[in-house]
PDB file of N, CA and C in Angstrom:
ATOM      1  N   VAL A   1     -47.999 -26.926 194.511  1.00  0.00           N
ATOM      2  CA  VAL A   1     -46.794 -26.815 193.566  1.00  0.00           C
ATOM      3  C   VAL A   1     -45.556 -25.867 194.220  1.00  0.00           C
ATOM      4  N   GLN A   2     -44.516 -26.572 194.447  1.00  0.00           N
ATOM      5  CA  GLN A   2     -43.336 -25.609 194.835  1.00  0.00           C
ATOM      6  C   GLN A   2     -42.513 -25.413 193.799  1.00  0.00           C
ATOM      7  N   LEU A   3     -41.944 -23.931 193.999  1.00  0.00           N
ATOM      8  CA  LEU A   3     -41.115 -23.555 192.836  1.00  0.00           C
ATOM      9  C   LEU A   3     -39.750 -23.507 193.494  1.00  0.00           C
ATOM     10  N   GLN A   4     -38.582 -23.730 192.753  1.00  0.00           N
ATOM     11  CA  GLN A   4     -37.143 -23.593 193.056  1.00  0.00           C
ATOM     12  C   GLN A   4     -36.570 -22.871 191.695  1.00  0.00           C
ATOM     13  N   ALA A   5     -36.203 -21.650 192.116  1.00  0.00           N
ATOM     14  CA  ALA A   5     -35.607 -20.677 191.229  1.00  0.00           C
ATOM     15  C   ALA A   5     -34.315 -20.721 191.534  1.00  0.00           C
ATOM     16  N   SER A   6     -33.469 -20.594 190.386  1.00  0.00           N
ATOM     17  CA  SER A   6     -31.733 -20.581 190.429  1.00  0.00           C
ATOM     18  C   SER A   6     -31.348 -19.916 189.109  1.00  0.00           C
ATOM     19  N   GLY A   7     -30.162 -19.227 189.317  1.00  0.00           N
ATOM     20  CA  GLY A   7     -29.544 -18.954 188.173  1.00  0.00           C
ATOM     21  C   GLY A   7     -29.299 -17.350 188.093  1.00  0.00           C
ATOM     22  N   GLY A   8     -29.598 -16.639 189.266  1.00  0.00           N
ATOM     23  CA  GLY A   8     -29.232 -15.359 189.211  1.00  0.00           C
ATOM     24  C   GLY A   8     -27.821 -15.010 189.688  1.00  0.00           C
ATOM     25  N   GLY A   9     -27.316 -13.502 189.679  1.00  0.00           N
ATOM     26  CA  GLY A   9     -25.987 -13.275 189.829  1.00  0.00           C
ATOM     27  C   GLY A   9     -25.730 -11.881 189.363  1.00  0.00           C
ATOM     28  N   LEU A  10     -24.408 -11.738 189.391  1.00  0.00           N
ATOM     29  CA  LEU A  10     -23.992 -10.218 188.919  1.00  0.00           C
ATOM     30  C   LEU A  10     -23.314 -10.568 187.721  1.00  0.00           C
ATOM     31  N   VAL A  11     -23.750  -9.420 186.805  1.00  0.00           N
ATOM     32  CA  VAL A  11     -23.388  -9.856 185.214  1.00  0.00           C
ATOM     33  C   VAL A  11     -23.055  -8.076 185.053  1.00  0.00           C
ATOM     34  N   GLN A  12     -22.115  -7.868 184.299  1.00  0.00           N
ATOM     35  CA  GLN A  12     -21.972  -6.753 183.429  1.00  0.00           C
ATOM     36  C   GLN A  12     -22.981  -6.087 182.219  1.00  0.00           C
ATOM     37  N   PRO A  13     -23.347  -4.861 182.170  1.00  0.00           N
ATOM     38  CA  PRO A  13     -24.130  -4.541 181.092  1.00  0.00           C
ATOM     39  C   PRO A  13     -23.879  -5.240 179.907  1.00  0.00           C
ATOM     40  N   GLY A  14     -24.645  -5.532 179.176  1.00  0.00           N
ATOM     41  CA  GLY A  14     -24.632  -6.062 177.906  1.00  0.00           C
ATOM     42  C   GLY A  14     -24.385  -7.833 178.026  1.00  0.00           C
ATOM     43  N   GLY A  15     -24.219  -8.434 179.137  1.00  0.00           N
ATOM     44  CA  GLY A  15     -23.937  -9.664 179.513  1.00  0.00           C
ATOM     45  C   GLY A  15     -25.522 -10.325 179.415  1.00  0.00           C
ATOM     46  N   SER A  16     -25.328 -11.699 179.792  1.00  0.00           N
ATOM     47  CA  SER A  16     -26.369 -12.614 179.702  1.00  0.00           C
ATOM     48  C   SER A  16     -26.684 -13.516 180.824  1.00  0.00           C
ATOM     49  N   LEU A  17     -27.789 -14.026 181.144  1.00  0.00           N
ATOM     50  CA  LEU A  17     -27.837 -14.867 182.421  1.00  0.00           C
ATOM     51  C   LEU A  17     -29.022 -15.741 181.885  1.00  0.00           C
ATOM     52  N   ARG A  18     -28.851 -16.827 182.562  1.00  0.00           N
ATOM     53  CA  ARG A  18     -30.154 -17.845 182.143  1.00  0.00           C
ATOM     54  C   ARG A  18     -30.753 -18.047 183.698  1.00  0.00           C
ATOM     55  N   LEU A  19     -32.133 -17.868 183.865  1.00  0.00           N
ATOM     56  CA  LEU A  19     -32.768 -18.070 185.126  1.00  0.00           C
ATOM     57  C   LEU A  19     -33.480 -19.647 184.843  1.00  0.00           C
ATOM     58  N   SER A  20     -33.558 -20.540 185.765  1.00  0.00           N
ATOM     59  CA  SER A  20     -34.287 -21.717 185.768  1.00  0.00           C
ATOM     60  C   SER A  20     -35.351 -21.546 186.876  1.00  0.00           C
ATOM     61  N   CYS A  21     -36.343 -22.459 186.603  1.00  0.00           N
ATOM     62  CA  CYS A  21     -37.106 -22.425 187.715  1.00  0.00           C
ATOM     63  C   CYS A  21     -37.785 -24.055 187.581  1.00  0.00           C
ATOM     64  N   ALA A  22     -37.780 -24.774 188.576  1.00  0.00           N
ATOM     65  CA  ALA A  22     -38.137 -26.115 188.608  1.00  0.00           C
ATOM     66  C   ALA A  22     -39.389 -26.189 189.432  1.00  0.00           C
ATOM     67  N   ALA A  23     -40.641 -26.897 189.100  1.00  0.00           N
ATOM     68  CA  ALA A  23     -41.701 -26.925 189.677  1.00  0.00           C
ATOM     69  C   ALA A  23     -42.049 -28.450 190.231  1.00  0.00           C
ATOM     70  N   SER A  24     -42.419 -28.383 191.570  1.00  0.00           N
ATOM     71  CA  SER A  24     -42.338 -29.650 192.126  1.00  0.00           C
ATOM     72  C   SER A  24     -44.021 -29.855 192.193  1.00  0.00           C
ATOM     73  N   GLY A  25     -44.548 -30.993 191.801  1.00  0.00           N
ATOM     74  CA  GLY A  25     -45.975 -31.033 192.099  1.00  0.00           C
ATOM     75  C   GLY A  25     -46.556 -31.083 190.543  1.00  0.00           C
ATOM     76  N   SER A  26     -47.983 -31.083 190.549  1.00  0.00           N
ATOM     77  CA  SER A  26     -48.725 -31.239 189.138  1.00  0.00           C
ATOM     78  C   SER A  26     -48.570 -30.045 188.334  1.00  0.00           C
ATOM     79  N   ILE A  27     -48.059 -29.751 187.264  1.00  0.00           N
ATOM     80  CA  ILE A  27     -48.364 -28.550 186.518  1.00  0.00           C
ATOM     81  C   ILE A  27     -49.575 -29.048 185.382  1.00  0.00           C
ATOM     82  N   PHE A  28     -50.512 -28.233 185.276  1.00  0.00           N
ATOM     83  CA  PHE A  28     -51.818 -28.666 184.654  1.00  0.00           C
ATOM     84  C   PHE A  28     -51.778 -27.928 183.292  1.00  0.00           C
ATOM     85  N   SER A  29     -52.831 -28.006 182.606  1.00  0.00           N
ATOM     86  CA  SER A  29     -53.021 -27.486 181.285  1.00  0.00           C
ATOM     87  C   SER A  29     -53.524 -25.838 181.346  1.00  0.00           C
ATOM     88  N   VAL A  30     -54.232 -25.587 182.400  1.00  0.00           N
ATOM     89  CA  VAL A  30     -54.935 -24.472 182.920  1.00  0.00           C
ATOM     90  C   VAL A  30     -53.588 -23.421 183.259  1.00  0.00           C
ATOM     91  N   ASP A  31     -52.467 -23.997 183.548  1.00  0.00           N
ATOM     92  CA  ASP A  31     -51.600 -23.198 184.508  1.00  0.00           C
ATOM     93  C   ASP A  31     -50.680 -22.529 183.502  1.00  0.00           C
ATOM     94  N   VAL A  32     -50.318 -21.040 183.869  1.00  0.00           N
ATOM     95  CA  VAL A  32     -49.514 -20.266 183.026  1.00  0.00           C
ATOM     96  C   VAL A  32     -48.292 -19.953 183.914  1.00  0.00           C
ATOM     97  N   MET A  33     -46.850 -20.242 183.396  1.00  0.00           N
ATOM     98  CA  MET A  33     -45.762 -20.143 184.326  1.00  0.00           C
ATOM     99  C   MET A  33     -45.322 -18.875 183.660  1.00  0.00           C
ATOM    100  N   GLY A  34     -44.546 -18.262 184.524  1.00  0.00           N
ATOM    101  CA  GLY A  34     -44.036 -16.943 184.386  1.00  0.00           C
ATOM    102  C   GLY A  34     -42.915 -16.440 185.411  1.00  0.00           C
ATOM    103  N   TRP A  35     -42.373 -15.339 184.836  1.00  0.00           N
ATOM    104  CA  TRP A  35     -41.242 -14.519 185.764  1.00  0.00           C
ATOM    105  C   TRP A  35     -41.889 -13.081 186.129  1.00  0.00           C
ATOM    106  N   TYR A  36     -41.806 -12.882 187.359  1.00  0.00           N
ATOM    107  CA  TYR A  36     -41.879 -11.537 187.480  1.00  0.00           C
ATOM    108  C   TYR A  36     -40.589 -11.129 188.102  1.00  0.00           C
ATOM    109  N   ARG A  37     -40.537  -9.561 188.430  1.00  0.00           N
ATOM    110  CA  ARG A  37     -39.523  -9.070 188.873  1.00  0.00           C
ATOM    111  C   ARG A  37     -39.690  -8.051 189.879  1.00  0.00           C
ATOM    112  N   GLN A  38     -38.696  -7.672 190.817  1.00  0.00           N
ATOM    113  CA  GLN A  38     -39.238  -6.447 191.623  1.00  0.00           C
ATOM    114  C   GLN A  38     -38.047  -5.804 192.074  1.00  0.00           C
ATOM    115  N   ALA A  39     -37.761  -4.750 191.595  1.00  0.00           N
ATOM    116  CA  ALA A  39     -36.789  -3.648 191.815  1.00  0.00           C
ATOM    117  C   ALA A  39     -36.982  -3.106 193.295  1.00  0.00           C
ATOM    118  N   PRO A  40     -35.718  -2.697 193.826  1.00  0.00           N
ATOM    119  CA  PRO A  40     -36.051  -1.747 195.157  1.00  0.00           C
ATOM    120  C   PRO A  40     -36.698  -0.589 194.875  1.00  0.00           C
ATOM    121  N   GLY A  41     -38.036  -0.585 195.776  1.00  0.00           N
ATOM    122  CA  GLY A  41     -38.755   0.551 195.932  1.00  0.00           C
ATOM    123  C   GLY A  41     -39.793   0.568 194.663  1.00  0.00           C
ATOM    124  N   LYS A  42     -39.685  -0.658 193.889  1.00  0.00           N
ATOM    125  CA  LYS A  42     -40.863  -0.695 193.069  1.00  0.00           C
ATOM    126  C   LYS A  42     -41.810  -1.688 193.099  1.00  0.00           C
ATOM    127  N   GLN A  43     -42.877  -2.008 192.461  1.00  0.00           N
ATOM    128  CA  GLN A  43     -44.000  -2.864 192.454  1.00  0.00           C
ATOM    129  C   GLN A  43     -43.358  -4.038 191.741  1.00  0.00           C
ATOM    130  N   ARG A  44     -43.992  -5.340 191.913  1.00  0.00           N
ATOM    131  CA  ARG A  44     -43.472  -6.408 191.321  1.00  0.00           C
ATOM    132  C   ARG A  44     -44.319  -6.358 189.911  1.00  0.00           C
ATOM    133  N   GLU A  45     -43.548  -6.706 188.913  1.00  0.00           N
ATOM    134  CA  GLU A  45     -44.075  -6.790 187.455  1.00  0.00           C
ATOM    135  C   GLU A  45     -43.959  -7.976 186.854  1.00  0.00           C
ATOM    136  N   LEU A  46     -44.524  -8.010 185.893  1.00  0.00           N
ATOM    137  CA  LEU A  46     -44.674  -9.371 184.759  1.00  0.00           C
ATOM    138  C   LEU A  46     -43.343  -9.138 183.970  1.00  0.00           C
ATOM    139  N   VAL A  47     -42.653 -10.068 183.686  1.00  0.00           N
ATOM    140  CA  VAL A  47     -41.332 -10.136 182.866  1.00  0.00           C
ATOM    141  C   VAL A  47     -41.930 -10.766 181.617  1.00  0.00           C
ATOM    142  N   ALA A  48     -42.343 -12.060 181.640  1.00  0.00           N
ATOM    143  CA  ALA A  48     -42.597 -12.876 180.672  1.00  0.00           C
ATOM    144  C   ALA A  48     -43.316 -14.118 181.176  1.00  0.00           C
ATOM    145  N   ALA A  49     -44.199 -14.663 180.230  1.00  0.00           N
ATOM    146  CA  ALA A  49     -45.253 -15.909 180.807  1.00  0.00           C
ATOM    147  C   ALA A  49     -45.322 -16.733 179.465  1.00  0.00           C
ATOM    148  N   ILE A  50     -45.565 -17.849 180.092  1.00  0.00           N
ATOM    149  CA  ILE A  50     -45.856 -18.915 178.777  1.00  0.00           C
ATOM    150  C   ILE A  50     -46.834 -19.998 179.180  1.00  0.00           C
ATOM    151  N   THR A  51     -47.902 -20.126 178.411  1.00  0.00           N
ATOM    152  CA  THR A  51     -48.811 -20.945 178.660  1.00  0.00           C
ATOM    153  C   THR A  51     -48.563 -22.546 178.188  1.00  0.00           C
ATOM    154  N   HIS A  52     -49.396 -23.358 178.506  1.00  0.00           N
ATOM    155  CA  HIS A  52     -49.366 -24.698 178.472  1.00  0.00           C
ATOM    156  C   HIS A  52     -48.764 -24.932 176.972  1.00  0.00           C
ATOM    157  N   ASP A  53     -49.416 -24.170 175.874  1.00  0.00           N
ATOM    158  CA  ASP A  53     -49.279 -24.815 174.636  1.00  0.00           C
ATOM    159  C   ASP A  53     -48.141 -23.632 173.942  1.00  0.00           C
ATOM    160  N   ASP A  54     -47.444 -23.175 174.843  1.00  0.00           N
ATOM    161  CA  ASP A  54     -46.182 -22.494 174.525  1.00  0.00           C
ATOM    162  C   ASP A  54     -46.297 -21.265 173.795  1.00  0.00           C
ATOM    163  N   THR A  55     -47.531 -20.424 174.006  1.00  0.00           N
ATOM    164  CA  THR A  55     -48.022 -19.058 173.755  1.00  0.00           C
ATOM    165  C   THR A  55     -47.263 -18.217 174.860  1.00  0.00           C
ATOM    166  N   THR A  56     -46.428 -17.434 174.388  1.00  0.00           N
ATOM    167  CA  THR A  56     -45.515 -16.372 175.366  1.00  0.00           C
ATOM    168  C   THR A  56     -46.024 -15.129 175.020  1.00  0.00           C
ATOM    169  N   ASN A  57     -45.735 -14.212 176.387  1.00  0.00           N
ATOM    170  CA  ASN A  57     -46.084 -13.037 176.384  1.00  0.00           C
ATOM    171  C   ASN A  57     -44.854 -12.196 177.120  1.00  0.00           C
ATOM    172  N   TYR A  58     -44.427 -11.059 176.912  1.00  0.00           N
ATOM    173  CA  TYR A  58     -43.467 -10.587 177.337  1.00  0.00           C
ATOM    174  C   TYR A  58     -43.822  -8.856 177.677  1.00  0.00           C
ATOM    175  N   SER A  59     -43.068  -8.412 178.600  1.00  0.00           N
ATOM    176  CA  SER A  59     -43.300  -7.086 178.877  1.00  0.00           C
ATOM    177  C   SER A  59     -42.576  -6.028 177.737  1.00  0.00           C
ATOM    178  N   ASP A  60     -42.965  -5.466 177.551  1.00  0.00           N
ATOM    179  CA  ASP A  60     -42.273  -4.287 176.584  1.00  0.00           C
ATOM    180  C   ASP A  60     -40.942  -4.022 176.780  1.00  0.00           C
ATOM    181  N   SER A  61     -40.510  -3.853 178.200  1.00  0.00           N
ATOM    182  CA  SER A  61     -39.167  -3.469 178.551  1.00  0.00           C
ATOM    183  C   SER A  61     -38.161  -4.700 178.288  1.00  0.00           C
ATOM    184  N   VAL A  62     -38.588  -5.799 177.931  1.00  0.00           N
ATOM    185  CA  VAL A  62     -37.604  -6.985 177.667  1.00  0.00           C
ATOM    186  C   VAL A  62     -37.852  -7.848 176.364  1.00  0.00           C
ATOM    187  N   LYS A  63     -39.059  -7.206 175.524  1.00  0.00           N
ATOM    188  CA  LYS A  63     -39.057  -7.717 174.340  1.00  0.00           C
ATOM    189  C   LYS A  63     -37.680  -7.589 173.461  1.00  0.00           C
ATOM    190  N   GLY A  64     -37.406  -8.966 172.713  1.00  0.00           N
ATOM    191  CA  GLY A  64     -36.599  -9.036 171.882  1.00  0.00           C
ATOM    192  C   GLY A  64     -34.952  -9.056 172.563  1.00  0.00           C
ATOM    193  N   ARG A  65     -35.136  -8.956 173.997  1.00  0.00           N
ATOM    194  CA  ARG A  65     -33.851  -9.440 174.719  1.00  0.00           C
ATOM    195  C   ARG A  65     -33.882 -10.818 175.626  1.00  0.00           C
ATOM    196  N   PHE A  66     -34.939 -10.786 176.296  1.00  0.00           N
ATOM    197  CA  PHE A  66     -35.329 -12.208 176.871  1.00  0.00           C
ATOM    198  C   PHE A  66     -36.236 -13.080 176.075  1.00  0.00           C
ATOM    199  N   THR A  67     -35.798 -14.223 176.577  1.00  0.00           N
ATOM    200  CA  THR A  67     -36.583 -15.410 175.760  1.00  0.00           C
ATOM    201  C   THR A  67     -37.263 -16.330 177.131  1.00  0.00           C
ATOM    202  N   ILE A  68     -38.580 -16.796 177.254  1.00  0.00           N
ATOM    203  CA  ILE A  68     -39.196 -17.812 178.020  1.00  0.00           C
ATOM    204  C   ILE A  68     -39.288 -18.944 177.268  1.00  0.00           C
ATOM    205  N   SER A  69     -38.875 -20.193 177.781  1.00  0.00           N
ATOM    206  CA  SER A  69     -39.154 -21.242 177.547  1.00  0.00           C
ATOM    207  C   SER A  69     -39.259 -22.232 178.565  1.00  0.00           C
ATOM    208  N   ARG A  70     -39.796 -23.548 178.094  1.00  0.00           N
ATOM    209  CA  ARG A  70     -39.984 -24.745 179.321  1.00  0.00           C
ATOM    210  C   ARG A  70     -39.571 -25.916 178.601  1.00  0.00           C
ATOM    211  N   ASP A  71     -39.180 -27.034 179.496  1.00  0.00           N
ATOM    212  CA  ASP A  71     -38.771 -28.135 179.010  1.00  0.00           C
ATOM    213  C   ASP A  71     -39.957 -29.157 178.460  1.00  0.00           C
ATOM    214  N   ASN A  72     -39.729 -30.240 178.197  1.00  0.00           N
ATOM    215  CA  ASN A  72     -40.674 -31.168 177.333  1.00  0.00           C
ATOM    216  C   ASN A  72     -41.797 -31.722 178.256  1.00  0.00           C
ATOM    217  N   ALA A  73     -41.248 -31.626 179.703  1.00  0.00           N
ATOM    218  CA  ALA A  73     -42.290 -32.005 180.634  1.00  0.00           C
ATOM    219  C   ALA A  73     -42.891 -30.999 181.191  1.00  0.00           C
ATOM    220  N   LYS A  74     -42.820 -29.582 180.846  1.00  0.00           N
ATOM    221  CA  LYS A  74     -43.357 -28.629 181.320  1.00  0.00           C
ATOM    222  C   LYS A  74     -43.381 -28.340 182.590  1.00  0.00           C
ATOM    223  N   THR A  75     -42.350 -28.754 183.457  1.00  0.00           N
ATOM    224  CA  THR A  75     -42.414 -28.644 184.807  1.00  0.00           C
ATOM    225  C   THR A  75     -41.205 -27.753 185.077  1.00  0.00           C
ATOM    226  N   THR A  76     -40.536 -27.409 184.088  1.00  0.00           N
ATOM    227  CA  THR A  76     -39.283 -26.411 184.359  1.00  0.00           C
ATOM    228  C   THR A  76     -39.320 -25.348 183.301  1.00  0.00           C
ATOM    229  N   VAL A  77     -39.069 -24.178 183.757  1.00  0.00           N
ATOM    230  CA  VAL A  77     -39.238 -22.842 182.985  1.00  0.00           C
ATOM    231  C   VAL A  77     -38.128 -22.148 183.057  1.00  0.00           C
ATOM    232  N   TYR A  78     -37.657 -21.487 181.819  1.00  0.00           N
ATOM    233  CA  TYR A  78     -36.077 -21.060 181.550  1.00  0.00           C
ATOM    234  C   TYR A  78     -36.697 -19.408 181.390  1.00  0.00           C
ATOM    235  N   LEU A  79     -35.669 -18.498 181.808  1.00  0.00           N
ATOM    236  CA  LEU A  79     -35.641 -17.165 181.233  1.00  0.00           C
ATOM    237  C   LEU A  79     -33.995 -16.872 180.731  1.00  0.00           C
ATOM    238  N   GLN A  80     -33.940 -16.718 179.500  1.00  0.00           N
ATOM    239  CA  GLN A  80     -32.858 -16.425 178.967  1.00  0.00           C
ATOM    240  C   GLN A  80     -32.742 -14.985 178.638  1.00  0.00           C
ATOM    241  N   MET A  81     -31.949 -14.227 179.272  1.00  0.00           N
ATOM    242  CA  MET A  81     -31.634 -12.790 179.609  1.00  0.00           C
ATOM    243  C   MET A  81     -30.450 -12.395 178.806  1.00  0.00           C
ATOM    244  N   ASN A  82     -30.592 -11.551 177.699  1.00  0.00           N
ATOM    245  CA  ASN A  82     -29.516 -10.896 177.156  1.00  0.00           C
ATOM    246  C   ASN A  82     -29.506  -9.420 176.919  1.00  0.00           C
ATOM    247  N   SER A  83     -28.156  -9.124 176.538  1.00  0.00           N
ATOM    248  CA  SER A  83     -28.367  -7.676 176.501  1.00  0.00           C
ATOM    249  C   SER A  83     -28.796  -7.153 177.848  1.00  0.00           C
ATOM    250  N   LEU A  84     -28.304  -7.361 178.849  1.00  0.00           N
ATOM    251  CA  LEU A  84     -28.813  -6.972 180.185  1.00  0.00           C
ATOM    252  C   LEU A  84     -28.463  -5.334 180.345  1.00  0.00           C
ATOM    253  N   LYS A  85     -29.364  -4.791 181.072  1.00  0.00           N
ATOM    254  CA  LYS A  85     -29.158  -3.431 181.235  1.00  0.00           C
ATOM    255  C   LYS A  85     -29.083  -3.171 182.815  1.00  0.00           C
ATOM    256  N   PRO A  86     -28.383  -2.158 183.346  1.00  0.00           N
ATOM    257  CA  PRO A  86     -28.785  -1.795 184.592  1.00  0.00           C
ATOM    258  C   PRO A  86     -30.118  -1.911 185.257  1.00  0.00           C
ATOM    259  N   GLU A  87     -30.788  -1.382 184.403  1.00  0.00           N
ATOM    260  CA  GLU A  87     -32.455  -1.317 184.817  1.00  0.00           C
ATOM    261  C   GLU A  87     -33.085  -2.756 185.067  1.00  0.00           C
ATOM    262  N   ASP A  88     -32.438  -3.811 184.734  1.00  0.00           N
ATOM    263  CA  ASP A  88     -33.018  -4.909 184.682  1.00  0.00           C
ATOM    264  C   ASP A  88     -32.539  -5.412 186.075  1.00  0.00           C
ATOM    265  N   THR A  89     -31.874  -4.679 186.663  1.00  0.00           N
ATOM    266  CA  THR A  89     -31.316  -5.246 188.253  1.00  0.00           C
ATOM    267  C   THR A  89     -32.739  -5.443 188.968  1.00  0.00           C
ATOM    268  N   ALA A  90     -33.077  -6.482 189.469  1.00  0.00           N
ATOM    269  CA  ALA A  90     -34.104  -6.798 190.632  1.00  0.00           C
ATOM    270  C   ALA A  90     -34.266  -8.050 191.093  1.00  0.00           C
ATOM    271  N   VAL A  91     -34.952  -8.538 191.921  1.00  0.00           N
ATOM    272  CA  VAL A  91     -35.012  -9.861 192.294  1.00  0.00           C
ATOM    273  C   VAL A  91     -36.373 -10.488 191.366  1.00  0.00           C
ATOM    274  N   TYR A  92     -35.949 -11.959 190.809  1.00  0.00           N
ATOM    275  CA  TYR A  92     -36.816 -12.345 189.793  1.00  0.00           C
ATOM    276  C   TYR A  92     -37.487 -13.532 190.652  1.00  0.00           C
ATOM    277  N   PHE A  93     -38.652 -13.538 190.440  1.00  0.00           N
ATOM    278  CA  PHE A  93     -39.517 -14.550 190.945  1.00  0.00           C
ATOM    279  C   PHE A  93     -40.186 -15.425 190.033  1.00  0.00           C
ATOM    280  N   CYS A  94     -40.250 -16.868 189.968  1.00  0.00           N
ATOM    281  CA  CYS A  94     -41.087 -17.631 189.576  1.00  0.00           C
ATOM    282  C   CYS A  94     -42.348 -17.707 189.938  1.00  0.00           C
ATOM    283  N   ASN A  95     -43.324 -18.007 188.996  1.00  0.00           N
ATOM    284  CA  ASN A  95     -44.451 -17.990 189.227  1.00  0.00           C
ATOM    285  C   ASN A  95     -45.509 -18.985 188.351  1.00  0.00           C
ATOM    286  N   VAL A  96     -46.635 -19.722 189.102  1.00  0.00           N
ATOM    287  CA  VAL A  96     -47.281 -20.446 188.273  1.00  0.00           C
ATOM    288  C   VAL A  96     -48.887 -19.863 188.621  1.00  0.00           C
ATOM    289  N   ASP A  97     -49.654 -19.167 187.737  1.00  0.00           N
ATOM    290  CA  ASP A  97     -50.873 -18.759 187.928  1.00  0.00           C
ATOM    291  C   ASP A  97     -51.824 -20.106 187.313  1.00  0.00           C
ATOM    292  N   ARG A  98     -52.714 -20.507 188.431  1.00  0.00           N
ATOM    293  CA  ARG A  98     -53.649 -21.376 187.951  1.00  0.00           C
ATOM    294  C   ARG A  98     -54.920 -21.054 187.762  1.00  0.00           C
ATOM    295  N   ASN A  99     -55.533 -21.129 186.752  1.00  0.00           N
ATOM    296  CA  ASN A  99     -56.876 -20.856 186.681  1.00  0.00           C
ATOM    297  C   ASN A  99     -57.789 -21.816 187.325  1.00  0.00           C
ATOM    298  N   LEU A 100     -58.665 -21.427 188.100  1.00  0.00           N
ATOM    299  CA  LEU A 100     -59.504 -22.208 188.966  1.00  0.00           C
ATOM    300  C   LEU A 100     -61.105 -22.368 188.308  1.00  0.00           C
ATOM    301  N   GLY A 101     -61.266 -21.395 187.351  1.00  0.00           N
ATOM    302  CA  GLY A 101     -62.328 -21.327 186.638  1.00  0.00           C
ATOM    303  C   GLY A 101     -63.428 -20.339 187.355  1.00  0.00           C
ATOM    304  N   GLY A 102     -64.206 -19.963 186.878  1.00  0.00           N
ATOM    305  CA  GLY A 102     -65.247 -18.643 187.444  1.00  0.00           C
ATOM    306  C   GLY A 102     -64.828 -17.630 187.525  1.00  0.00           C
ATOM    307  N   GLY A 103     -63.636 -17.265 187.004  1.00  0.00           N
ATOM    308  CA  GLY A 103     -63.016 -15.956 187.190  1.00  0.00           C
ATOM    309  C   GLY A 103     -61.766 -15.900 188.024  1.00  0.00           C
ATOM    310  N   ARG A 104     -61.628 -17.157 188.782  1.00  0.00           N
ATOM    311  CA  ARG A 104     -60.687 -17.033 189.874  1.00  0.00           C
ATOM    312  C   ARG A 104     -59.433 -17.772 189.832  1.00  0.00           C
ATOM    313  N   SER A 105     -58.404 -17.150 190.219  1.00  0.00           N
ATOM    314  CA  SER A 105     -56.911 -17.864 189.803  1.00  0.00           C
ATOM    315  C   SER A 105     -56.257 -17.658 191.328  1.00  0.00           C
ATOM    316  N   TYR A 106     -55.209 -18.730 191.224  1.00  0.00           N
ATOM    317  CA  TYR A 106     -54.261 -19.030 192.490  1.00  0.00           C
ATOM    318  C   TYR A 106     -53.028 -18.923 192.165  1.00  0.00           C
ATOM    319  N   ALA A 107     -52.090 -18.080 192.684  1.00  0.00           N
ATOM    320  CA  ALA A 107     -50.554 -17.809 192.191  1.00  0.00           C
ATOM    321  C   ALA A 107     -50.104 -18.469 193.244  1.00  0.00           C
ATOM    322  N   TYR A 108     -48.803 -19.351 192.568  1.00  0.00           N
ATOM    323  CA  TYR A 108     -47.705 -19.852 193.246  1.00  0.00           C
ATOM    324  C   TYR A 108     -46.632 -19.288 193.102  1.00  0.00           C
ATOM    325  N   TRP A 109     -45.491 -19.217 194.199  1.00  0.00           N
ATOM    326  CA  TRP A 109     -44.450 -18.126 193.854  1.00  0.00           C
ATOM    327  C   TRP A 109     -43.163 -18.938 194.435  1.00  0.00           C
ATOM    328  N   GLY A 110     -42.083 -18.738 193.582  1.00  0.00           N
ATOM    329  CA  GLY A 110     -40.712 -19.310 194.180  1.00  0.00           C
ATOM    330  C   GLY A 110     -40.184 -17.926 195.071  1.00  0.00           C
ATOM    331  N   GLN A 111     -39.025 -18.594 195.575  1.00  0.00           N
ATOM    332  CA  GLN A 111     -38.340 -17.589 196.475  1.00  0.00           C
ATOM    333  C   GLN A 111     -37.570 -16.542 195.993  1.00  0.00           C
ATOM    334  N   GLY A 112     -37.481 -16.243 194.586  1.00  0.00           N
ATOM    335  CA  GLY A 112     -36.802 -15.208 194.248  1.00  0.00           C
ATOM    336  C   GLY A 112     -35.216 -15.419 194.095  1.00  0.00           C
ATOM    337  N   THR A 113     -34.874 -14.775 192.940  1.00  0.00           N
ATOM    338  CA  THR A 113     -33.376 -14.798 192.592  1.00  0.00           C
ATOM    339  C   THR A 113     -32.957 -13.814 192.148  1.00  0.00           C
ATOM    340  N   LEU A 114     -31.932 -13.364 192.561  1.00  0.00           N
ATOM    341  CA  LEU A 114     -31.447 -11.651 192.495  1.00  0.00           C
ATOM    342  C   LEU A 114     -30.521 -11.571 191.236  1.00  0.00           C
ATOM    343  N   VAL A 115     -30.605 -10.644 190.468  1.00  0.00           N
ATOM    344  CA  VAL A 115     -29.969 -10.147 189.419  1.00  0.00           C
ATOM    345  C   VAL A 115     -29.366  -8.922 189.413  1.00  0.00           C
ATOM    346  N   THR A 116     -28.167  -8.811 189.220  1.00  0.00           N
ATOM    347  CA  THR A 116     -27.592  -7.573 189.480  1.00  0.00           C
ATOM    348  C   THR A 116     -26.792  -7.180 188.178  1.00  0.00           C
ATOM    349  N   VAL A 117     -27.138  -6.372 187.420  1.00  0.00           N
ATOM    350  CA  VAL A 117     -26.510  -5.651 186.297  1.00  0.00           C
ATOM    351  C   VAL A 117     -25.879  -4.455 186.569  1.00  0.00           C
ATOM    352  N   SER A 118     -24.376  -4.878 186.844  1.00  0.00           N
ATOM    353  CA  SER A 118     -23.525  -3.624 186.948  1.00  0.00           C
ATOM    354  C   SER A 118     -22.039  -3.897 186.600  1.00  0.00           C
ATOM    355  N   SER A 119     -21.342  -2.596 186.211  1.00  0.00           N
ATOM    356  CA  SER A 119     -19.817  -2.947 185.524  1.00  0.00           C
ATOM    357  C   SER A 119     -19.262  -2.769 186.994  1.00  0.00           C
TER     358      SER A 119
END
């Protein structure tokens, strides 16, 4: 699976951005697609994730502001980010986490897209 993320940029506090991530290759029902972010000097953290049956999960810091969704083909995942704050500034990475069974999983990563929230 190859992941191509896009949509980052510079936005003022309170503004909105929409990130997209297109997956090439097969996406299976065991796959969870998601977005992570990494701010300077910090560890990478989960922002939001969506399962094959469209169950979603969000970090507490973005609940109510961000929405994760996917297209009908389930190969493109989106992250709608509203009411952006300076602390949302980070490189955002698209991710596919594949359940291999037996407690094992494999993670695919996109190249990252920079989101800067600043006035």
